Amino acid sequence: MGKTLHVFCSKESLTIFNNSTIEGDTLLFNEKLTEGPLVKDVFSDLFWSKRYSYFENTYQISRVDYFDATIKPILQLEDVSDYS
């Protein structure tokens, strides 16, 4: 049986989980999909382009900072073969 991956969308929930006895790897998906533009093909180039622009124009978050906080962690999901 493969390992378990727990995906969280807030640092607060990740902290609570880390203080529990539940086993498994964790991933923080730090993306606010509740605001800003979305496209049907989630994680496509168009999706990321619109998200970059939105956070840059709305919150003055640079593309590099957005990449580091949001995209870089989920690149781990490119190979999930070790997870059940």
Protein backbone atom coordinates (compact mmCIF):
# COMPACT_ATOMS: atom_id res chain seq x y z
CA MET A 1 0.00 0.00 0.00
CA GLY A 2 1.29 3.47 -0.88
CA LYS A 3 1.83 6.43 1.38
CA THR A 4 -0.89 8.94 2.17
CA LEU A 5 -0.69 12.57 1.09
CA HIS A 6 -2.79 15.12 2.96
CA VAL A 7 -3.36 18.38 1.05
CA PHE A 8 -4.22 21.53 2.99
CA CYS A 9 -5.34 24.94 1.83
CA SER A 10 -4.40 26.94 4.92
CA LYS A 11 -1.40 27.13 7.20
CA GLU A 12 -3.74 26.98 10.19
CA SER A 13 -5.22 23.62 9.21
CA LEU A 14 -1.76 22.27 8.40
CA THR A 15 -0.55 23.31 11.87
CA ILE A 16 -3.48 21.53 13.51
CA PHE A 17 -2.78 18.41 11.45
CA ASN A 18 0.92 18.48 12.30
CA ASN A 19 0.00 18.48 15.99
CA SER A 20 -2.12 15.36 15.53
CA THR A 21 -1.04 11.74 15.49
CA ILE A 22 -2.29 11.11 11.95
CA GLU A 23 0.46 9.77 9.73
CA GLY A 24 1.25 10.78 6.18
CA ASP A 25 3.00 13.39 4.10
CA THR A 26 1.58 16.89 3.78
CA LEU A 27 1.33 19.50 1.07
CA LEU A 28 0.19 23.10 1.49
CA PHE A 29 -1.80 24.21 -1.55
CA ASN A 30 -1.61 27.93 -0.89
CA GLU A 31 -4.00 29.14 -3.60
CA LYS A 32 -7.15 31.15 -3.00
CA LEU A 33 -9.47 29.70 -5.62
CA THR A 34 -12.34 31.56 -3.95
CA GLU A 35 -11.41 34.84 -5.59
CA GLY A 36 -10.09 36.09 -8.88
CA PRO A 37 -10.38 34.66 -12.38
CA LEU A 38 -10.52 30.96 -13.09
CA VAL A 39 -10.60 28.96 -16.29
CA LYS A 40 -12.07 25.54 -16.88
CA ASP A 41 -8.71 23.87 -17.47
CA VAL A 42 -7.28 24.22 -13.95
CA PHE A 43 -3.46 24.32 -13.84
CA SER A 44 -3.18 25.06 -17.57
CA ASP A 45 -0.85 27.81 -18.80
CA LEU A 46 -3.87 30.09 -19.23
CA PHE A 47 -5.00 29.35 -15.65
CA TRP A 48 -1.59 30.32 -14.21
CA SER A 49 -1.29 33.39 -16.42
CA LYS A 50 -4.62 34.74 -15.19
CA ARG A 51 -3.75 33.93 -11.56
CA TYR A 52 -0.34 35.63 -11.87
CA SER A 53 -1.94 38.78 -13.27
CA TYR A 54 -4.72 38.85 -10.70
CA PHE A 55 -2.45 38.61 -7.67
CA GLU A 56 0.08 40.98 -9.18
CA ASN A 57 -2.53 43.66 -9.92
CA THR A 58 -4.77 43.15 -6.88
CA TYR A 59 -2.28 42.42 -4.09
CA GLN A 60 1.03 43.56 -5.64
CA ILE A 61 2.43 40.04 -5.26
CA SER A 62 5.23 39.53 -7.73
CA ARG A 63 5.14 36.59 -10.11
CA VAL A 64 8.23 35.11 -8.43
CA ASP A 65 6.67 35.35 -4.97
CA TYR A 66 3.42 33.85 -6.27
CA PHE A 67 5.34 31.01 -7.91
CA ASP A 68 7.34 30.28 -4.75
CA ALA A 69 4.29 30.30 -2.48
CA THR A 70 1.77 28.60 -4.74
CA ILE A 71 3.14 26.73 -7.72
CA LYS A 72 6.43 25.41 -6.35
CA PRO A 73 4.80 23.29 -3.59
CA ILE A 74 2.30 21.66 -5.94
CA LEU A 75 5.01 20.63 -8.38
CA GLN A 76 5.41 17.71 -5.97
CA LEU A 77 2.14 16.41 -7.42
CA GLU A 78 3.73 15.71 -10.80
CA ASP A 79 4.60 12.24 -9.54
CA VAL A 80 2.14 10.82 -7.05
CA SER A 81 2.93 7.17 -7.78
CA ASP A 82 4.15 6.64 -4.21
CA TYR A 83 0.75 7.68 -2.79
CA SER A 84 -2.41 5.63 -2.44
